[in-house]
C-alpha cells in the first residue's frame, strides 16, 4: 500500500497509489492512514482515482480511517471509479461521505 500526501490550508489530500483496497490491504491501509492523518488538518480528501476495486474490508478500512480522525475533522472521497462508487452507494455510505467525481471538484467545494 502506498499513500502520498499534500496539505494546503486546512485540507490534506491523500492519494492512494494502488488499484485495490481489499482484505489483503485493509490493515496496512488503516495503519498508513493513521500515520498520514496525524497532522491534524480539519479536512482530509482521499483521492481514490487509482483504485479500481474495493471490497467490504476496504470499505471498512475507509470507515475506520474516518472514525480515527475524531470530532471536528472530516474525510471526503474523490475520483471514485464507477465500480468503487457503486459499492459506496449500495452500502449507503454515500450518505456518510461526501463523494466527488474528481479531486479538482473536491478541492473546489472546499470545507463547506
N, C-alpha and C. Protein backbone atom coordinates (compact mmCIF):
# COMPACT_ATOMS: atom_id res chain seq x y z
N UNK A 1 0.86 -1.18 0.00
CA UNK A 1 0.00 0.00 0.00
C UNK A 1 0.89 1.22 0.00
N UNK A 2 0.59 2.12 -0.88
CA UNK A 2 1.36 3.35 -0.97
C UNK A 2 0.41 4.54 -0.98
N UNK A 3 0.64 5.45 -0.06
CA UNK A 3 -0.13 6.68 0.02
C UNK A 3 0.81 7.86 -0.13
N UNK A 4 0.35 8.90 -0.79
CA UNK A 4 1.11 10.15 -0.84
C UNK A 4 0.20 11.25 -0.34
N UNK A 5 0.81 12.28 0.27
CA UNK A 5 0.02 13.29 0.94
C UNK A 5 0.57 14.68 0.70
N UNK A 6 -0.36 15.64 0.54
CA UNK A 6 -0.01 17.06 0.47
C UNK A 6 -1.04 17.81 1.32
N UNK A 7 -0.62 18.93 1.88
CA UNK A 7 -1.52 19.73 2.70
C UNK A 7 -1.48 21.17 2.24
N UNK A 8 -2.67 21.74 2.05
CA UNK A 8 -2.80 23.15 1.74
C UNK A 8 -3.88 23.73 2.64
N UNK A 9 -3.58 24.85 3.26
CA UNK A 9 -4.51 25.49 4.19
C UNK A 9 -4.99 24.46 5.22
N UNK A 10 -6.30 24.22 5.26
CA UNK A 10 -6.83 23.27 6.24
C UNK A 10 -7.27 21.96 5.59
N UNK A 11 -6.77 21.69 4.37
CA UNK A 11 -7.14 20.46 3.66
C UNK A 11 -5.90 19.63 3.36
N UNK A 12 -5.98 18.36 3.72
CA UNK A 12 -4.93 17.40 3.40
C UNK A 12 -5.46 16.47 2.32
N UNK A 13 -4.69 16.30 1.26
CA UNK A 13 -5.06 15.38 0.19
C UNK A 13 -4.17 14.15 0.30
N UNK A 14 -4.81 12.99 0.42
CA UNK A 14 -4.08 11.72 0.46
C UNK A 14 -4.48 10.93 -0.78
N UNK A 15 -3.49 10.60 -1.59
CA UNK A 15 -3.72 9.83 -2.82
C UNK A 15 -3.32 8.39 -2.60
N UNK A 16 -4.22 7.49 -2.95
CA UNK A 16 -3.94 6.05 -2.86
C UNK A 16 -3.25 5.64 -4.14
N UNK A 17 -2.10 5.02 -4.02
CA UNK A 17 -1.29 4.64 -5.18
C UNK A 17 -1.34 3.14 -5.44
N UNK A 18 -2.54 2.57 -5.42
CA UNK A 18 -2.70 1.16 -5.79
C UNK A 18 -4.09 0.98 -6.38
N UNK A 19 -4.30 -0.13 -7.05
CA UNK A 19 -5.56 -0.31 -7.77
C UNK A 19 -6.64 -1.04 -6.97
N UNK A 20 -6.29 -1.53 -5.77
CA UNK A 20 -7.26 -2.28 -4.96
C UNK A 20 -7.13 -1.91 -3.49
N UNK A 21 -8.27 -1.85 -2.82
CA UNK A 21 -8.28 -1.82 -1.35
C UNK A 21 -9.18 -2.98 -0.97
N UNK A 22 -8.55 -4.08 -0.59
CA UNK A 22 -9.30 -5.31 -0.29
C UNK A 22 -8.80 -5.90 1.01
N UNK A 23 -9.25 -7.11 1.32
CA UNK A 23 -8.91 -7.75 2.59
C UNK A 23 -7.39 -7.85 2.79
N UNK A 24 -6.66 -8.09 1.72
CA UNK A 24 -5.20 -8.21 1.82
C UNK A 24 -4.53 -6.88 2.15
N UNK A 25 -5.18 -5.77 1.83
CA UNK A 25 -4.58 -4.44 2.01
C UNK A 25 -5.18 -3.65 3.16
N UNK A 26 -6.32 -4.06 3.67
CA UNK A 26 -7.10 -3.22 4.60
C UNK A 26 -6.34 -2.83 5.86
N UNK A 27 -5.67 -3.76 6.50
CA UNK A 27 -4.95 -3.45 7.74
C UNK A 27 -3.83 -2.46 7.48
N UNK A 28 -3.07 -2.70 6.42
CA UNK A 28 -1.98 -1.78 6.09
C UNK A 28 -2.53 -0.40 5.72
N UNK A 29 -3.65 -0.37 5.00
CA UNK A 29 -4.27 0.90 4.64
C UNK A 29 -4.62 1.70 5.89
N UNK A 30 -5.27 1.05 6.87
CA UNK A 30 -5.65 1.74 8.11
C UNK A 30 -4.43 2.30 8.83
N UNK A 31 -3.36 1.51 8.91
CA UNK A 31 -2.14 1.97 9.58
C UNK A 31 -1.53 3.15 8.83
N UNK A 32 -1.47 3.05 7.51
CA UNK A 32 -0.90 4.14 6.71
C UNK A 32 -1.74 5.41 6.83
N UNK A 33 -3.05 5.26 6.85
CA UNK A 33 -3.92 6.42 7.00
C UNK A 33 -3.73 7.06 8.38
N UNK A 34 -3.59 6.26 9.40
CA UNK A 34 -3.38 6.79 10.75
C UNK A 34 -2.09 7.62 10.78
N UNK A 35 -1.05 7.11 10.15
CA UNK A 35 0.22 7.82 10.09
C UNK A 35 0.09 9.12 9.30
N UNK A 36 -0.55 9.05 8.14
CA UNK A 36 -0.68 10.22 7.26
C UNK A 36 -1.56 11.32 7.86
N UNK A 37 -2.59 10.94 8.59
CA UNK A 37 -3.54 11.93 9.09
C UNK A 37 -3.20 12.44 10.49
N UNK A 38 -2.05 12.10 10.98
CA UNK A 38 -1.64 12.55 12.30
C UNK A 38 -1.38 14.05 12.39
N UNK A 39 -1.32 14.74 11.24
CA UNK A 39 -1.00 16.16 11.23
C UNK A 39 -2.12 17.04 11.75
N UNK A 40 -3.34 16.60 11.65
CA UNK A 40 -4.46 17.34 12.22
C UNK A 40 -5.19 18.30 11.30
N UNK A 41 -5.03 18.17 9.98
CA UNK A 41 -5.80 19.01 9.06
C UNK A 41 -7.29 18.78 9.32
N UNK A 42 -8.08 19.85 9.28
CA UNK A 42 -9.52 19.73 9.55
C UNK A 42 -10.23 18.86 8.52
N UNK A 43 -9.80 18.95 7.28
CA UNK A 43 -10.45 18.21 6.21
C UNK A 43 -9.41 17.34 5.51
N UNK A 44 -9.76 16.09 5.30
CA UNK A 44 -8.91 15.16 4.56
C UNK A 44 -9.70 14.72 3.33
N UNK A 45 -9.07 14.84 2.16
CA UNK A 45 -9.67 14.35 0.92
C UNK A 45 -8.88 13.12 0.50
N UNK A 46 -9.55 12.00 0.40
CA UNK A 46 -8.92 10.76 -0.03
C UNK A 46 -9.14 10.61 -1.53
N UNK A 47 -8.06 10.72 -2.29
CA UNK A 47 -8.12 10.61 -3.75
C UNK A 47 -8.04 9.13 -4.13
N UNK A 48 -9.16 8.60 -4.60
CA UNK A 48 -9.25 7.18 -4.95
C UNK A 48 -9.21 6.94 -6.46
N UNK A 49 -8.70 7.90 -7.21
CA UNK A 49 -8.74 7.79 -8.67
C UNK A 49 -7.93 6.61 -9.22
N UNK A 50 -6.97 6.10 -8.48
CA UNK A 50 -6.20 4.94 -8.94
C UNK A 50 -6.83 3.62 -8.52
N UNK A 51 -7.82 3.68 -7.63
CA UNK A 51 -8.44 2.47 -7.08
C UNK A 51 -9.57 1.99 -7.99
N UNK A 52 -9.42 0.78 -8.51
CA UNK A 52 -10.41 0.22 -9.42
C UNK A 52 -11.31 -0.82 -8.76
N UNK A 53 -10.95 -1.25 -7.55
CA UNK A 53 -11.73 -2.27 -6.85
C UNK A 53 -11.65 -2.04 -5.35
N UNK A 54 -12.78 -2.21 -4.69
CA UNK A 54 -12.82 -2.16 -3.23
C UNK A 54 -13.80 -3.22 -2.75
N UNK A 55 -13.45 -3.92 -1.69
CA UNK A 55 -14.38 -4.90 -1.13
C UNK A 55 -14.83 -4.41 0.25
N UNK A 56 -15.57 -5.25 0.96
CA UNK A 56 -16.12 -4.83 2.26
C UNK A 56 -15.01 -4.52 3.27
N UNK A 57 -13.91 -5.23 3.20
CA UNK A 57 -12.79 -4.95 4.10
C UNK A 57 -12.18 -3.59 3.81
N UNK A 58 -12.07 -3.26 2.53
CA UNK A 58 -11.56 -1.95 2.14
C UNK A 58 -12.50 -0.84 2.56
N UNK A 59 -13.79 -1.08 2.37
CA UNK A 59 -14.80 -0.11 2.80
C UNK A 59 -14.71 0.10 4.31
N UNK A 60 -14.57 -0.99 5.04
CA UNK A 60 -14.44 -0.90 6.50
C UNK A 60 -13.18 -0.14 6.91
N UNK A 61 -12.11 -0.31 6.16
CA UNK A 61 -10.87 0.40 6.47
C UNK A 61 -11.02 1.91 6.26
N UNK A 62 -11.76 2.29 5.23
CA UNK A 62 -12.00 3.72 4.99
C UNK A 62 -12.89 4.29 6.08
N UNK A 63 -13.92 3.55 6.50
CA UNK A 63 -14.79 4.00 7.58
C UNK A 63 -13.97 4.12 8.88
N UNK A 64 -13.12 3.15 9.16
CA UNK A 64 -12.28 3.21 10.36
C UNK A 64 -11.35 4.43 10.31
N UNK A 65 -10.84 4.74 9.13
CA UNK A 65 -9.97 5.91 8.97
C UNK A 65 -10.73 7.19 9.27
N UNK A 66 -11.99 7.24 8.83
CA UNK A 66 -12.81 8.42 9.12
C UNK A 66 -13.03 8.54 10.63
N UNK A 67 -13.34 7.45 11.28
CA UNK A 67 -13.61 7.48 12.72
C UNK A 67 -12.38 7.87 13.52
N UNK A 68 -11.21 7.43 13.10
CA UNK A 68 -9.99 7.76 13.86
C UNK A 68 -9.62 9.23 13.74
N UNK A 69 -10.20 9.94 12.75
CA UNK A 69 -9.93 11.38 12.65
C UNK A 69 -10.49 12.13 13.85
N UNK A 70 -11.59 11.65 14.39
CA UNK A 70 -12.19 12.29 15.56
C UNK A 70 -13.11 13.44 15.19
N UNK A 71 -13.66 14.06 16.22
CA UNK A 71 -14.60 15.16 16.04
C UNK A 71 -13.90 16.38 15.46
N UNK A 72 -14.65 17.12 14.66
CA UNK A 72 -14.12 18.35 14.09
C UNK A 72 -13.29 18.15 12.84
N UNK A 73 -13.13 16.90 12.41
CA UNK A 73 -12.37 16.61 11.19
C UNK A 73 -13.26 15.77 10.28
N UNK A 74 -13.05 15.93 8.98
CA UNK A 74 -13.91 15.23 8.02
C UNK A 74 -13.07 14.56 6.94
N UNK A 75 -13.57 13.41 6.47
CA UNK A 75 -12.95 12.68 5.37
C UNK A 75 -13.90 12.71 4.19
N UNK A 76 -13.46 13.32 3.08
CA UNK A 76 -14.20 13.32 1.83
C UNK A 76 -13.49 12.41 0.84
N UNK A 77 -14.23 11.89 -0.13
CA UNK A 77 -13.68 10.96 -1.12
C UNK A 77 -13.79 11.54 -2.52
N UNK A 78 -12.74 11.36 -3.30
CA UNK A 78 -12.72 11.94 -4.65
C UNK A 78 -12.21 10.93 -5.67
N UNK A 79 -12.67 11.09 -6.91
CA UNK A 79 -12.16 10.32 -8.03
C UNK A 79 -12.55 8.85 -8.04
N UNK A 80 -13.74 8.54 -7.57
CA UNK A 80 -14.16 7.14 -7.50
C UNK A 80 -14.50 6.60 -8.88
N UNK A 81 -13.91 5.45 -9.22
CA UNK A 81 -14.30 4.73 -10.44
C UNK A 81 -15.74 4.25 -10.25
N UNK A 82 -16.48 4.04 -11.34
CA UNK A 82 -17.88 3.62 -11.22
C UNK A 82 -18.09 2.38 -10.35
N UNK A 83 -17.22 1.39 -10.43
CA UNK A 83 -17.37 0.18 -9.63
C UNK A 83 -17.19 0.50 -8.14
N UNK A 84 -16.24 1.35 -7.82
CA UNK A 84 -15.99 1.74 -6.43
C UNK A 84 -17.14 2.60 -5.91
N UNK A 85 -17.59 3.54 -6.73
CA UNK A 85 -18.70 4.39 -6.32
C UNK A 85 -19.95 3.55 -6.05
N UNK A 86 -20.16 2.53 -6.86
CA UNK A 86 -21.34 1.66 -6.70
C UNK A 86 -21.32 0.98 -5.32
N UNK A 87 -20.15 0.57 -4.85
CA UNK A 87 -20.03 -0.04 -3.53
C UNK A 87 -20.49 0.94 -2.45
N UNK A 88 -20.06 2.20 -2.57
CA UNK A 88 -20.45 3.21 -1.59
C UNK A 88 -21.95 3.50 -1.65
N UNK A 89 -22.51 3.51 -2.83
CA UNK A 89 -23.95 3.79 -2.96
C UNK A 89 -24.80 2.60 -2.49
N UNK A 90 -24.41 1.37 -2.85
CA UNK A 90 -25.17 0.19 -2.44
C UNK A 90 -25.18 0.00 -0.93
N UNK A 91 -24.09 0.39 -0.28
CA UNK A 91 -23.99 0.24 1.18
C UNK A 91 -24.47 1.49 1.91
N UNK A 92 -24.96 2.48 1.14
CA UNK A 92 -25.45 3.75 1.67
C UNK A 92 -24.36 4.57 2.35
N UNK A 93 -23.13 4.25 2.08
CA UNK A 93 -22.02 5.04 2.62
C UNK A 93 -21.91 6.40 1.93
N UNK A 94 -22.65 6.56 0.82
CA UNK A 94 -22.68 7.88 0.17
C UNK A 94 -23.45 8.89 1.02
N UNK A 95 -24.15 8.41 2.06
CA UNK A 95 -24.81 9.32 3.00
C UNK A 95 -23.88 9.69 4.16
N UNK A 96 -22.78 8.97 4.29
CA UNK A 96 -21.80 9.22 5.34
C UNK A 96 -20.66 10.09 4.83
N UNK A 97 -20.22 9.80 3.62
CA UNK A 97 -19.10 10.52 3.00
C UNK A 97 -19.62 11.45 1.91
N UNK A 98 -18.93 12.56 1.71
CA UNK A 98 -19.18 13.37 0.52
C UNK A 98 -18.32 12.77 -0.59
N UNK A 99 -18.96 12.43 -1.71
CA UNK A 99 -18.28 11.83 -2.86
C UNK A 99 -18.15 12.87 -3.96
N UNK A 100 -16.95 13.00 -4.52
CA UNK A 100 -16.70 13.95 -5.60
C UNK A 100 -16.17 13.20 -6.80
N UNK A 101 -16.60 13.63 -7.99
CA UNK A 101 -16.19 12.97 -9.23
C UNK A 101 -14.68 13.05 -9.45
N UNK A 102 -14.08 14.17 -9.02
CA UNK A 102 -12.64 14.34 -9.22
C UNK A 102 -12.03 15.06 -8.03
N UNK A 103 -10.72 15.01 -7.93
CA UNK A 103 -10.01 15.73 -6.89
C UNK A 103 -10.22 17.22 -7.04
N UNK A 104 -10.22 17.71 -8.29
CA UNK A 104 -10.47 19.14 -8.53
C UNK A 104 -11.84 19.56 -7.99
N UNK A 105 -12.86 18.72 -8.21
CA UNK A 105 -14.20 19.03 -7.69
C UNK A 105 -14.19 19.09 -6.16
N UNK A 106 -13.50 18.17 -5.54
CA UNK A 106 -13.43 18.14 -4.07
C UNK A 106 -12.73 19.38 -3.54
N UNK A 107 -11.64 19.77 -4.18
CA UNK A 107 -10.91 20.96 -3.73
C UNK A 107 -11.72 22.23 -3.97
N UNK A 108 -12.45 22.28 -5.08
CA UNK A 108 -13.29 23.45 -5.38
C UNK A 108 -14.43 23.60 -4.36
N UNK A 109 -14.92 22.47 -3.84
CA UNK A 109 -16.01 22.51 -2.88
C UNK A 109 -15.55 23.04 -1.52
N UNK A 110 -14.25 22.97 -1.28
CA UNK A 110 -13.73 23.46 0.00
C UNK A 110 -14.24 22.66 1.17
N UNK A 111 -14.13 23.22 2.34
CA UNK A 111 -14.50 22.51 3.55
C UNK A 111 -15.94 22.78 3.97
N UNK A 112 -16.74 23.36 3.09
CA UNK A 112 -18.15 23.65 3.41
C UNK A 112 -18.96 22.40 3.58
